[in-house]
Amino acid sequence: MADSKPRVKVPKSAKAGEVITIKTLISHTMESGQRKDKDGKIIPRKIINKFTCEFNGKKVFECDVDPAISANPFFEFTAKVNESGTFKFSWVDDDGTIYTDEKKIEVN
């Protein structure tokens, strides 16, 4: 799906040891594979099936996604930051496509 676009909100800065809130949303239709098109043919399943967040190469959040999730999945979670670095976000689609985004944070 060419129009799938991740959006991520991470604070630009934080204090060492602070717990920050991270919000993510990806534009995606999340087709369950249970609907039919106008000709009666089943529309193939196409969902984001895994979401991962890493900070400086270490996994801080991961979840598996099931077909029951709505279109444009939104995730909100917290992470404790002790150093400056980069968050890397990955969404894996059924067809193997991986959508990614990165956000940097400066820790003072």
C-alpha atoms as a PDB file:
ATOM      1  CA  MET A   1       0.000   0.000   0.000  1.00  0.00           C
ATOM      2  CA  ALA A   2       1.857   3.042  -1.276  1.00  0.00           C
ATOM      3  CA  ASP A   3      -0.120   5.544   0.772  1.00  0.00           C
ATOM      4  CA  SER A   4       0.698   4.016   4.191  1.00  0.00           C
ATOM      5  CA  LYS A   5       2.371   6.801   6.110  1.00  0.00           C
ATOM      6  CA  PRO A   6       3.667   6.541   9.664  1.00  0.00           C
ATOM      7  CA  ARG A   7       3.304   9.501  12.012  1.00  0.00           C
ATOM      8  CA  VAL A   8       5.216   9.596  15.274  1.00  0.00           C
ATOM      9  CA  LYS A   9       5.236  12.059  18.147  1.00  0.00           C
ATOM     10  CA  VAL A  10       8.288  11.997  20.450  1.00  0.00           C
ATOM     11  CA  PRO A  11       9.461  14.914  22.624  1.00  0.00           C
ATOM     12  CA  LYS A  12      12.527  16.663  21.165  1.00  0.00           C
ATOM     13  CA  SER A  13      14.201  16.726  24.579  1.00  0.00           C
ATOM     14  CA  ALA A  14      13.919  15.239  28.063  1.00  0.00           C
ATOM     15  CA  LYS A  15      15.809  15.061  31.340  1.00  0.00           C
ATOM     16  CA  ALA A  16      17.927  12.001  32.134  1.00  0.00           C
ATOM     17  CA  GLY A  17      15.713   9.317  33.669  1.00  0.00           C
ATOM     18  CA  GLU A  18      12.481  10.960  32.535  1.00  0.00           C
ATOM     19  CA  VAL A  19       9.575   8.805  31.397  1.00  0.00           C
ATOM     20  CA  ILE A  20       8.236  10.151  28.106  1.00  0.00           C
ATOM     21  CA  THR A  21       5.045   9.416  26.191  1.00  0.00           C
ATOM     22  CA  ILE A  22       5.344   8.259  22.580  1.00  0.00           C
ATOM     23  CA  LYS A  23       2.407   8.284  20.163  1.00  0.00           C
ATOM     24  CA  THR A  24       2.324   6.580  16.767  1.00  0.00           C
ATOM     25  CA  LEU A  25      -0.254   6.305  14.024  1.00  0.00           C
ATOM     26  CA  ILE A  26       0.038   4.739  10.590  1.00  0.00           C
ATOM     27  CA  SER A  27      -2.393   5.357   7.738  1.00  0.00           C
ATOM     28  CA  HIS A  28      -3.377   1.858   6.624  1.00  0.00           C
ATOM     29  CA  THR A  29      -6.688   0.273   5.549  1.00  0.00           C
ATOM     30  CA  MET A  30      -6.147  -2.935   7.575  1.00  0.00           C
ATOM     31  CA  GLU A  31      -8.149  -5.273   5.305  1.00  0.00           C
ATOM     32  CA  SER A  32      -9.205  -8.312   7.381  1.00  0.00           C
ATOM     33  CA  GLY A  33      -9.599 -10.776   4.493  1.00  0.00           C
ATOM     34  CA  GLN A  34     -13.250 -11.385   5.380  1.00  0.00           C
ATOM     35  CA  ARG A  35     -14.946  -8.844   3.099  1.00  0.00           C
ATOM     36  CA  LYS A  36     -15.883  -9.277  -0.555  1.00  0.00           C
ATOM     37  CA  ASP A  37     -15.486  -6.849  -3.443  1.00  0.00           C
ATOM     38  CA  LYS A  38     -18.330  -5.802  -5.785  1.00  0.00           C
ATOM     39  CA  ASP A  39     -17.819  -8.995  -7.826  1.00  0.00           C
ATOM     40  CA  GLY A  40     -18.150 -11.241  -4.762  1.00  0.00           C
ATOM     41  CA  LYS A  41     -14.452 -12.114  -4.575  1.00  0.00           C
ATOM     42  CA  ILE A  42     -12.761 -12.072  -1.183  1.00  0.00           C
ATOM     43  CA  ILE A  43     -10.504  -9.069  -0.668  1.00  0.00           C
ATOM     44  CA  PRO A  44      -7.133 -10.475   0.480  1.00  0.00           C
ATOM     45  CA  ARG A  45      -6.052  -9.906   4.049  1.00  0.00           C
ATOM     46  CA  LYS A  46      -3.609  -7.008   4.352  1.00  0.00           C
ATOM     47  CA  ILE A  47      -2.892  -5.818   7.861  1.00  0.00           C
ATOM     48  CA  ILE A  48      -0.027  -4.496   9.888  1.00  0.00           C
ATOM     49  CA  ASN A  49       0.797  -7.599  11.935  1.00  0.00           C
ATOM     50  CA  LYS A  50       3.690  -6.357  14.101  1.00  0.00           C
ATOM     51  CA  PHE A  51       4.829  -3.047  15.558  1.00  0.00           C
ATOM     52  CA  THR A  52       8.251  -2.503  17.143  1.00  0.00           C
ATOM     53  CA  CYS A  53      10.023   0.449  18.755  1.00  0.00           C
ATOM     54  CA  GLU A  54      13.760   0.441  19.456  1.00  0.00           C
ATOM     55  CA  PHE A  55      15.884   3.046  21.207  1.00  0.00           C
ATOM     56  CA  ASN A  56      19.569   3.101  20.286  1.00  0.00           C
ATOM     57  CA  GLY A  57      19.235  -0.467  18.988  1.00  0.00           C
ATOM     58  CA  LYS A  58      17.441  -1.891  22.048  1.00  0.00           C
ATOM     59  CA  LYS A  59      13.798  -2.951  21.860  1.00  0.00           C
ATOM     60  CA  VAL A  60      11.581  -0.887  24.177  1.00  0.00           C
ATOM     61  CA  PHE A  61       8.117  -1.853  22.897  1.00  0.00           C
ATOM     62  CA  GLU A  62       6.703  -4.548  20.624  1.00  0.00           C
ATOM     63  CA  CYS A  63       3.250  -5.888  19.876  1.00  0.00           C
ATOM     64  CA  ASP A  64       1.581  -8.323  17.511  1.00  0.00           C
ATOM     65  CA  VAL A  65      -1.478  -6.978  15.732  1.00  0.00           C
ATOM     66  CA  ASP A  66      -4.551  -9.076  14.916  1.00  0.00           C
ATOM     67  CA  PRO A  67      -7.150  -8.535  12.154  1.00  0.00           C
ATOM     68  CA  ALA A  68      -9.676  -7.113  14.632  1.00  0.00           C
ATOM     69  CA  ILE A  69      -7.719  -3.844  14.990  1.00  0.00           C
ATOM     70  CA  SER A  70      -9.177  -0.823  13.250  1.00  0.00           C
ATOM     71  CA  ALA A  71      -7.813   0.944  10.195  1.00  0.00           C
ATOM     72  CA  ASN A  72      -5.028   3.458  10.878  1.00  0.00           C
ATOM     73  CA  PRO A  73      -3.717   1.776  14.046  1.00  0.00           C
ATOM     74  CA  PHE A  74      -2.688   4.109  16.882  1.00  0.00           C
ATOM     75  CA  PHE A  75      -0.263   3.106  19.647  1.00  0.00           C
ATOM     76  CA  GLU A  76       0.640   5.117  22.734  1.00  0.00           C
ATOM     77  CA  PHE A  77       3.245   3.964  25.250  1.00  0.00           C
ATOM     78  CA  THR A  78       5.920   5.290  27.589  1.00  0.00           C
ATOM     79  CA  ALA A  79       9.678   4.868  27.689  1.00  0.00           C
ATOM     80  CA  LYS A  80      12.344   5.938  30.153  1.00  0.00           C
ATOM     81  CA  VAL A  81      15.256   7.782  28.536  1.00  0.00           C
ATOM     82  CA  ASN A  82      18.673   7.994  30.191  1.00  0.00           C
ATOM     83  CA  GLU A  83      20.682   9.196  27.198  1.00  0.00           C
ATOM     84  CA  SER A  84      20.292  11.027  23.917  1.00  0.00           C
ATOM     85  CA  GLY A  85      19.549   8.843  20.953  1.00  0.00           C
ATOM     86  CA  THR A  86      17.212   7.720  18.229  1.00  0.00           C
ATOM     87  CA  PHE A  87      13.917   5.878  18.418  1.00  0.00           C
ATOM     88  CA  LYS A  88      13.298   3.601  15.431  1.00  0.00           C
ATOM     89  CA  PHE A  89       9.735   2.498  14.693  1.00  0.00           C
ATOM     90  CA  SER A  90       8.776  -0.419  12.413  1.00  0.00           C
ATOM     91  CA  TRP A  91       5.397  -1.614  11.178  1.00  0.00           C
ATOM     92  CA  VAL A  92       5.353  -4.979   9.345  1.00  0.00           C
ATOM     93  CA  ASP A  93       2.622  -5.656   6.783  1.00  0.00           C
ATOM     94  CA  ASP A  94       1.296  -9.109   5.769  1.00  0.00           C
ATOM     95  CA  ASP A  95       2.972  -8.814   2.371  1.00  0.00           C
ATOM     96  CA  GLY A  96       6.381  -8.294   4.011  1.00  0.00           C
ATOM     97  CA  THR A  97       6.468  -4.538   3.516  1.00  0.00           C
ATOM     98  CA  ILE A  98       8.115  -2.743   6.433  1.00  0.00           C
ATOM     99  CA  TYR A  99       7.248   0.874   7.106  1.00  0.00           C
ATOM    100  CA  THR A 100       9.736   2.760   9.279  1.00  0.00           C
ATOM    101  CA  ASP A 101      10.251   6.105  10.937  1.00  0.00           C
ATOM    102  CA  GLU A 102      12.912   7.521  13.242  1.00  0.00           C
ATOM    103  CA  LYS A 103      12.855  10.304  15.819  1.00  0.00           C
ATOM    104  CA  LYS A 104      15.773  11.719  17.791  1.00  0.00           C
ATOM    105  CA  ILE A 105      15.641  12.887  21.384  1.00  0.00           C
ATOM    106  CA  GLU A 106      18.167  15.035  23.222  1.00  0.00           C
ATOM    107  CA  VAL A 107      18.633  14.174  26.912  1.00  0.00           C
ATOM    108  CA  ASN A 108      20.082  16.848  29.191  1.00  0.00           C
END
